[in-house]
Amino acid sequence: MSKYTTVSTKIPQELKEKMKELKIKPSKLLRKAIEDEIRRREAEKLKEELEKLKPVLDKVSMEEIVESIREDRMRR
């Protein structure tokens, strides 16, 4: 079971009233927004790491990759 923690923020009163009027549940909305932002930043970080590895990966030929995969499969 996941542990939960409380995160709070202040918003303008007008925004709070509009949320109530439109029956928007802030916890659900904020949870999804935070999850989406985390996914976006993790993907961005992976992209940056791949860019750093690109010069090394470019030196490896497709034949070498295929041969390594075949060797690995044969060891199993």
PDB file of N, CA and C in Angstrom:
ATOM      1  N   MET A   1       0.839  -1.183   0.000  1.00  0.00           N
ATOM      2  CA  MET A   1       0.000   0.000   0.000  1.00  0.00           C
ATOM      3  C   MET A   1       0.884   1.247   0.000  1.00  0.00           C
ATOM      4  N   SER A   2       0.545   2.212  -0.826  1.00  0.00           N
ATOM      5  CA  SER A   2       1.323   3.442  -0.925  1.00  0.00           C
ATOM      6  C   SER A   2       1.090   4.328   0.282  1.00  0.00           C
ATOM      7  N   LYS A   3       2.141   5.040   0.644  1.00  0.00           N
ATOM      8  CA  LYS A   3       2.002   6.045   1.691  1.00  0.00           C
ATOM      9  C   LYS A   3       1.685   7.371   1.016  1.00  0.00           C
ATOM     10  N   TYR A   4       0.864   8.137   1.649  1.00  0.00           N
ATOM     11  CA  TYR A   4       0.471   9.434   1.099  1.00  0.00           C
ATOM     12  C   TYR A   4       0.979  10.542   2.001  1.00  0.00           C
ATOM     13  N   THR A   5       1.166  11.703   1.409  1.00  0.00           N
ATOM     14  CA  THR A   5       1.547  12.895   2.147  1.00  0.00           C
ATOM     15  C   THR A   5       0.714  14.057   1.617  1.00  0.00           C
ATOM     16  N   THR A   6       0.591  15.072   2.403  1.00  0.00           N
ATOM     17  CA  THR A   6      -0.222  16.221   2.018  1.00  0.00           C
ATOM     18  C   THR A   6       0.657  17.300   1.415  1.00  0.00           C
ATOM     19  N   VAL A   7       0.189  17.843   0.301  1.00  0.00           N
ATOM     20  CA  VAL A   7       0.843  18.972  -0.354  1.00  0.00           C
ATOM     21  C   VAL A   7      -0.217  20.058  -0.454  1.00  0.00           C
ATOM     22  N   SER A   8       0.124  21.251  -0.054  1.00  0.00           N
ATOM     23  CA  SER A   8      -0.873  22.322  -0.113  1.00  0.00           C
ATOM     24  C   SER A   8      -0.340  23.501  -0.905  1.00  0.00           C
ATOM     25  N   THR A   9      -1.282  24.301  -1.395  1.00  0.00           N
ATOM     26  CA  THR A   9      -0.921  25.494  -2.143  1.00  0.00           C
ATOM     27  C   THR A   9      -2.006  26.544  -1.932  1.00  0.00           C
ATOM     28  N   LYS A  10      -1.633  27.779  -2.117  1.00  0.00           N
ATOM     29  CA  LYS A  10      -2.606  28.860  -2.003  1.00  0.00           C
ATOM     30  C   LYS A  10      -3.016  29.290  -3.406  1.00  0.00           C
ATOM     31  N   ILE A  11      -4.322  29.514  -3.568  1.00  0.00           N
ATOM     32  CA  ILE A  11      -4.860  29.987  -4.835  1.00  0.00           C
ATOM     33  C   ILE A  11      -5.788  31.163  -4.554  1.00  0.00           C
ATOM     34  N   PRO A  12      -6.030  32.007  -5.560  1.00  0.00           N
ATOM     35  CA  PRO A  12      -6.951  33.129  -5.356  1.00  0.00           C
ATOM     36  C   PRO A  12      -8.355  32.621  -5.007  1.00  0.00           C
ATOM     37  N   GLN A  13      -9.053  33.359  -4.162  1.00  0.00           N
ATOM     38  CA  GLN A  13     -10.406  33.001  -3.731  1.00  0.00           C
ATOM     39  C   GLN A  13     -11.327  32.805  -4.929  1.00  0.00           C
ATOM     40  N   GLU A  14     -11.198  33.650  -5.932  1.00  0.00           N
ATOM     41  CA  GLU A  14     -12.043  33.560  -7.128  1.00  0.00           C
ATOM     42  C   GLU A  14     -11.860  32.202  -7.816  1.00  0.00           C
ATOM     43  N   LEU A  15     -10.654  31.745  -7.875  1.00  0.00           N
ATOM     44  CA  LEU A  15     -10.372  30.446  -8.486  1.00  0.00           C
ATOM     45  C   LEU A  15     -11.016  29.312  -7.683  1.00  0.00           C
ATOM     46  N   LYS A  16     -10.932  29.406  -6.384  1.00  0.00           N
ATOM     47  CA  LYS A  16     -11.553  28.410  -5.499  1.00  0.00           C
ATOM     48  C   LYS A  16     -13.065  28.379  -5.717  1.00  0.00           C
ATOM     49  N   GLU A  17     -13.679  29.547  -5.821  1.00  0.00           N
ATOM     50  CA  GLU A  17     -15.125  29.626  -6.040  1.00  0.00           C
ATOM     51  C   GLU A  17     -15.527  29.024  -7.382  1.00  0.00           C
ATOM     52  N   LYS A  18     -14.720  29.277  -8.428  1.00  0.00           N
ATOM     53  CA  LYS A  18     -15.019  28.717  -9.743  1.00  0.00           C
ATOM     54  C   LYS A  18     -14.870  27.191  -9.724  1.00  0.00           C
ATOM     55  N   MET A  19     -13.889  26.696  -8.991  1.00  0.00           N
ATOM     56  CA  MET A  19     -13.717  25.248  -8.876  1.00  0.00           C
ATOM     57  C   MET A  19     -14.936  24.615  -8.213  1.00  0.00           C
ATOM     58  N   LYS A  20     -15.423  25.272  -7.173  1.00  0.00           N
ATOM     59  CA  LYS A  20     -16.599  24.758  -6.469  1.00  0.00           C
ATOM     60  C   LYS A  20     -17.820  24.784  -7.394  1.00  0.00           C
ATOM     61  N   GLU A  21     -17.981  25.890  -8.102  1.00  0.00           N
ATOM     62  CA  GLU A  21     -19.109  26.062  -9.021  1.00  0.00           C
ATOM     63  C   GLU A  21     -19.091  24.997 -10.129  1.00  0.00           C
ATOM     64  N   LEU A  22     -17.890  24.669 -10.614  1.00  0.00           N
ATOM     65  CA  LEU A  22     -17.748  23.694 -11.701  1.00  0.00           C
ATOM     66  C   LEU A  22     -17.532  22.267 -11.188  1.00  0.00           C
ATOM     67  N   LYS A  23     -17.609  22.113  -9.867  1.00  0.00           N
ATOM     68  CA  LYS A  23     -17.450  20.798  -9.224  1.00  0.00           C
ATOM     69  C   LYS A  23     -16.133  20.118  -9.604  1.00  0.00           C
ATOM     70  N   ILE A  24     -15.064  20.905  -9.564  1.00  0.00           N
ATOM     71  CA  ILE A  24     -13.722  20.389  -9.846  1.00  0.00           C
ATOM     72  C   ILE A  24     -13.105  19.961  -8.531  1.00  0.00           C
ATOM     73  N   LYS A  25     -12.629  18.717  -8.490  1.00  0.00           N
ATOM     74  CA  LYS A  25     -11.965  18.206  -7.295  1.00  0.00           C
ATOM     75  C   LYS A  25     -10.473  18.521  -7.413  1.00  0.00           C
ATOM     76  N   PRO A  26      -9.985  19.438  -6.577  1.00  0.00           N
ATOM     77  CA  PRO A  26      -8.585  19.857  -6.715  1.00  0.00           C
ATOM     78  C   PRO A  26      -7.585  18.734  -6.481  1.00  0.00           C
ATOM     79  N   SER A  27      -7.860  17.832  -5.561  1.00  0.00           N
ATOM     80  CA  SER A  27      -6.875  16.784  -5.264  1.00  0.00           C
ATOM     81  C   SER A  27      -6.644  15.898  -6.485  1.00  0.00           C
ATOM     82  N   LYS A  28      -7.707  15.518  -7.161  1.00  0.00           N
ATOM     83  CA  LYS A  28      -7.589  14.664  -8.344  1.00  0.00           C
ATOM     84  C   LYS A  28      -6.856  15.398  -9.469  1.00  0.00           C
ATOM     85  N   LEU A  29      -7.226  16.650  -9.678  1.00  0.00           N
ATOM     86  CA  LEU A  29      -6.631  17.460 -10.731  1.00  0.00           C
ATOM     87  C   LEU A  29      -5.138  17.703 -10.474  1.00  0.00           C
ATOM     88  N   LEU A  30      -4.809  18.076  -9.248  1.00  0.00           N
ATOM     89  CA  LEU A  30      -3.417  18.355  -8.898  1.00  0.00           C
ATOM     90  C   LEU A  30      -2.565  17.093  -8.948  1.00  0.00           C
ATOM     91  N   ARG A  31      -3.113  15.980  -8.485  1.00  0.00           N
ATOM     92  CA  ARG A  31      -2.378  14.712  -8.521  1.00  0.00           C
ATOM     93  C   ARG A  31      -2.004  14.366  -9.961  1.00  0.00           C
ATOM     94  N   LYS A  32      -2.980  14.492 -10.872  1.00  0.00           N
ATOM     95  CA  LYS A  32      -2.723  14.183 -12.281  1.00  0.00           C
ATOM     96  C   LYS A  32      -1.713  15.156 -12.879  1.00  0.00           C
ATOM     97  N   ALA A  33      -1.831  16.430 -12.567  1.00  0.00           N
ATOM     98  CA  ALA A  33      -0.898  17.434 -13.089  1.00  0.00           C
ATOM     99  C   ALA A  33       0.525  17.156 -12.614  1.00  0.00           C
ATOM    100  N   ILE A  34       0.674  16.787 -11.356  1.00  0.00           N
ATOM    101  CA  ILE A  34       1.999  16.484 -10.811  1.00  0.00           C
ATOM    102  C   ILE A  34       2.567  15.228 -11.463  1.00  0.00           C
ATOM    103  N   GLU A  35       1.737  14.196 -11.606  1.00  0.00           N
ATOM    104  CA  GLU A  35       2.188  12.957 -12.255  1.00  0.00           C
ATOM    105  C   GLU A  35       2.620  13.230 -13.693  1.00  0.00           C
ATOM    106  N   ASP A  36       1.843  14.022 -14.423  1.00  0.00           N
ATOM    107  CA  ASP A  36       2.175  14.353 -15.814  1.00  0.00           C
ATOM    108  C   ASP A  36       3.492  15.129 -15.896  1.00  0.00           C
ATOM    109  N   GLU A  37       3.684  16.061 -14.990  1.00  0.00           N
ATOM    110  CA  GLU A  37       4.915  16.861 -14.991  1.00  0.00           C
ATOM    111  C   GLU A  37       6.124  15.988 -14.667  1.00  0.00           C
ATOM    112  N   ILE A  38       5.971  15.071 -13.734  1.00  0.00           N
ATOM    113  CA  ILE A  38       7.072  14.157 -13.397  1.00  0.00           C
ATOM    114  C   ILE A  38       7.428  13.307 -14.616  1.00  0.00           C
ATOM    115  N   ARG A  39       6.416  12.748 -15.292  1.00  0.00           N
ATOM    116  CA  ARG A  39       6.666  11.947 -16.499  1.00  0.00           C
ATOM    117  C   ARG A  39       7.379  12.769 -17.562  1.00  0.00           C
ATOM    118  N   ARG A  40       6.937  14.002 -17.755  1.00  0.00           N
ATOM    119  CA  ARG A  40       7.542  14.868 -18.772  1.00  0.00           C
ATOM    120  C   ARG A  40       9.011  15.150 -18.453  1.00  0.00           C
ATOM    121  N   ARG A  41       9.288  15.459 -17.195  1.00  0.00           N
ATOM    122  CA  ARG A  41      10.667  15.774 -16.813  1.00  0.00           C
ATOM    123  C   ARG A  41      11.570  14.542 -16.851  1.00  0.00           C
ATOM    124  N   GLU A  42      11.029  13.377 -16.481  1.00  0.00           N
ATOM    125  CA  GLU A  42      11.819  12.150 -16.560  1.00  0.00           C
ATOM    126  C   GLU A  42      12.153  11.825 -18.012  1.00  0.00           C
ATOM    127  N   ALA A  43      11.190  12.011 -18.908  1.00  0.00           N
ATOM    128  CA  ALA A  43      11.432  11.770 -20.332  1.00  0.00           C
ATOM    129  C   ALA A  43      12.477  12.752 -20.868  1.00  0.00           C
ATOM    130  N   GLU A  44      12.390  13.993 -20.430  1.00  0.00           N
ATOM    131  CA  GLU A  44      13.353  15.015 -20.844  1.00  0.00           C
ATOM    132  C   GLU A  44      14.758  14.641 -20.362  1.00  0.00           C
ATOM    133  N   LYS A  45      14.845  14.168 -19.123  1.00  0.00           N
ATOM    134  CA  LYS A  45      16.138  13.767 -18.558  1.00  0.00           C
ATOM    135  C   LYS A  45      16.726  12.583 -19.331  1.00  0.00           C
ATOM    136  N   LEU A  46      15.885  11.598 -19.670  1.00  0.00           N
ATOM    137  CA  LEU A  46      16.349  10.456 -20.459  1.00  0.00           C
ATOM    138  C   LEU A  46      16.849  10.890 -21.831  1.00  0.00           C
ATOM    139  N   LYS A  47      16.129  11.830 -22.432  1.00  0.00           N
ATOM    140  CA  LYS A  47      16.525  12.337 -23.749  1.00  0.00           C
ATOM    141  C   LYS A  47      17.902  12.997 -23.668  1.00  0.00           C
ATOM    142  N   GLU A  48      18.127  13.773 -22.620  1.00  0.00           N
ATOM    143  CA  GLU A  48      19.423  14.429 -22.437  1.00  0.00           C
ATOM    144  C   GLU A  48      20.528  13.395 -22.244  1.00  0.00           C
ATOM    145  N   GLU A  49      20.254  12.342 -21.471  1.00  0.00           N
ATOM    146  CA  GLU A  49      21.253  11.296 -21.243  1.00  0.00           C
ATOM    147  C   GLU A  49      21.556  10.539 -22.529  1.00  0.00           C
ATOM    148  N   LEU A  50      20.523  10.299 -23.341  1.00  0.00           N
ATOM    149  CA  LEU A  50      20.741   9.623 -24.626  1.00  0.00           C
ATOM    150  C   LEU A  50      21.597  10.482 -25.554  1.00  0.00           C
ATOM    151  N   GLU A  51      21.374  11.783 -25.524  1.00  0.00           N
ATOM    152  CA  GLU A  51      22.174  12.689 -26.353  1.00  0.00           C
ATOM    153  C   GLU A  51      23.649  12.618 -25.958  1.00  0.00           C
ATOM    154  N   LYS A  52      23.914  12.473 -24.657  1.00  0.00           N
ATOM    155  CA  LYS A  52      25.294  12.361 -24.189  1.00  0.00           C
ATOM    156  C   LYS A  52      25.920  11.049 -24.659  1.00  0.00           C
ATOM    157  N   LEU A  53      25.106   9.985 -24.729  1.00  0.00           N
ATOM    158  CA  LEU A  53      25.607   8.669 -25.137  1.00  0.00           C
ATOM    159  C   LEU A  53      25.690   8.503 -26.651  1.00  0.00           C
ATOM    160  N   LYS A  54      25.033   9.363 -27.388  1.00  0.00           N
ATOM    161  CA  LYS A  54      24.958   9.229 -28.843  1.00  0.00           C
ATOM    162  C   LYS A  54      26.327   9.075 -29.510  1.00  0.00           C
ATOM    163  N   PRO A  55      27.339   9.860 -29.164  1.00  0.00           N
ATOM    164  CA  PRO A  55      28.646   9.680 -29.818  1.00  0.00           C
ATOM    165  C   PRO A  55      29.221   8.269 -29.615  1.00  0.00           C
ATOM    166  N   VAL A  56      29.018   7.710 -28.450  1.00  0.00           N
ATOM    167  CA  VAL A  56      29.523   6.363 -28.169  1.00  0.00           C
ATOM    168  C   VAL A  56      28.706   5.334 -28.935  1.00  0.00           C
ATOM    169  N   LEU A  57      27.385   5.489 -28.906  1.00  0.00           N
ATOM    170  CA  LEU A  57      26.505   4.536 -29.591  1.00  0.00           C
ATOM    171  C   LEU A  57      26.697   4.560 -31.104  1.00  0.00           C
ATOM    172  N   ASP A  58      27.029   5.717 -31.649  1.00  0.00           N
ATOM    173  CA  ASP A  58      27.254   5.822 -33.087  1.00  0.00           C
ATOM    174  C   ASP A  58      28.460   5.006 -33.545  1.00  0.00           C
ATOM    175  N   LYS A  59      29.377   4.720 -32.630  1.00  0.00           N
ATOM    176  CA  LYS A  59      30.577   3.949 -32.967  1.00  0.00           C
ATOM    177  C   LYS A  59      30.302   2.449 -33.055  1.00  0.00           C
ATOM    178  N   VAL A  60      29.174   2.007 -32.525  1.00  0.00           N
ATOM    179  CA  VAL A  60      28.822   0.592 -32.533  1.00  0.00           C
ATOM    180  C   VAL A  60      27.975   0.301 -33.768  1.00  0.00           C
ATOM    181  N   SER A  61      28.429  -0.671 -34.561  1.00  0.00           N
ATOM    182  CA  SER A  61      27.695  -0.996 -35.791  1.00  0.00           C
ATOM    183  C   SER A  61      26.486  -1.877 -35.482  1.00  0.00           C
ATOM    184  N   MET A  62      25.544  -1.896 -36.412  1.00  0.00           N
ATOM    185  CA  MET A  62      24.351  -2.724 -36.269  1.00  0.00           C
ATOM    186  C   MET A  62      24.741  -4.204 -36.197  1.00  0.00           C
ATOM    187  N   GLU A  63      25.764  -4.587 -36.954  1.00  0.00           N
ATOM    188  CA  GLU A  63      26.215  -5.980 -36.937  1.00  0.00           C
ATOM    189  C   GLU A  63      26.710  -6.379 -35.544  1.00  0.00           C
ATOM    190  N   GLU A  64      27.421  -5.478 -34.880  1.00  0.00           N
ATOM    191  CA  GLU A  64      27.915  -5.754 -33.529  1.00  0.00           C
ATOM    192  C   GLU A  64      26.754  -5.909 -32.542  1.00  0.00           C
ATOM    193  N   ILE A  65      25.754  -5.092 -32.717  1.00  0.00           N
ATOM    194  CA  ILE A  65      24.580  -5.171 -31.842  1.00  0.00           C
ATOM    195  C   ILE A  65      23.866  -6.497 -32.036  1.00  0.00           C
ATOM    196  N   VAL A  66      23.635  -6.869 -33.299  1.00  0.00           N
ATOM    197  CA  VAL A  66      22.956  -8.127 -33.607  1.00  0.00           C
ATOM    198  C   VAL A  66      23.752  -9.297 -33.058  1.00  0.00           C
ATOM    199  N   GLU A  67      25.062  -9.289 -33.252  1.00  0.00           N
ATOM    200  CA  GLU A  67      25.925 -10.375 -32.764  1.00  0.00           C
ATOM    201  C   GLU A  67      25.874 -10.480 -31.239  1.00  0.00           C
ATOM    202  N   SER A  68      25.874  -9.360 -30.555  1.00  0.00           N
ATOM    203  CA  SER A  68      25.800  -9.374 -29.086  1.00  0.00           C
ATOM    204  C   SER A  68      24.479  -9.961 -28.607  1.00  0.00           C
ATOM    205  N   ILE A  69      23.403  -9.603 -29.274  1.00  0.00           N
ATOM    206  CA  ILE A  69      22.087 -10.142 -28.902  1.00  0.00           C
ATOM    207  C   ILE A  69      22.060 -11.650 -29.116  1.00  0.00           C
ATOM    208  N   ARG A  70      22.585 -12.106 -30.247  1.00  0.00           N
ATOM    209  CA  ARG A  70      22.611 -13.548 -30.531  1.00  0.00           C
ATOM    210  C   ARG A  70      23.438 -14.300 -29.490  1.00  0.00           C
ATOM    211  N   GLU A  71      24.601 -13.754 -29.139  1.00  0.00           N
ATOM    212  CA  GLU A  71      25.468 -14.388 -28.140  1.00  0.00           C
ATOM    213  C   GLU A  71      24.741 -14.483 -26.799  1.00  0.00           C
ATOM    214  N   ASP A  72      24.072 -13.409 -26.443  1.00  0.00           N
ATOM    215  CA  ASP A  72      23.355 -13.390 -25.176  1.00  0.00           C
ATOM    216  C   ASP A  72      22.231 -14.447 -25.156  1.00  0.00           C
ATOM    217  N   ARG A  73      21.529 -14.564 -26.254  1.00  0.00           N
ATOM    218  CA  ARG A  73      20.448 -15.561 -26.344  1.00  0.00           C
ATOM    219  C   ARG A  73      20.983 -16.983 -26.253  1.00  0.00           C
ATOM    220  N   MET A  74      22.131 -17.217 -26.850  1.00  0.00           N
ATOM    221  CA  MET A  74      22.707 -18.560 -26.850  1.00  0.00           C
ATOM    222  C   MET A  74      23.187 -18.963 -25.450  1.00  0.00           C
ATOM    223  N   ARG A  75      23.580 -18.005 -24.652  1.00  0.00           N
ATOM    224  CA  ARG A  75      24.054 -18.280 -23.282  1.00  0.00           C
ATOM    225  C   ARG A  75      22.922 -18.711 -22.361  1.00  0.00           C
ATOM    226  N   ARG A  76      21.711 -18.389 -22.701  1.00  0.00           N
ATOM    227  CA  ARG A  76      20.557 -18.685 -21.824  1.00  0.00           C
ATOM    228  C   ARG A  76      20.181 -20.115 -21.851  1.00  0.00           C
TER     229      ARG A  76
END
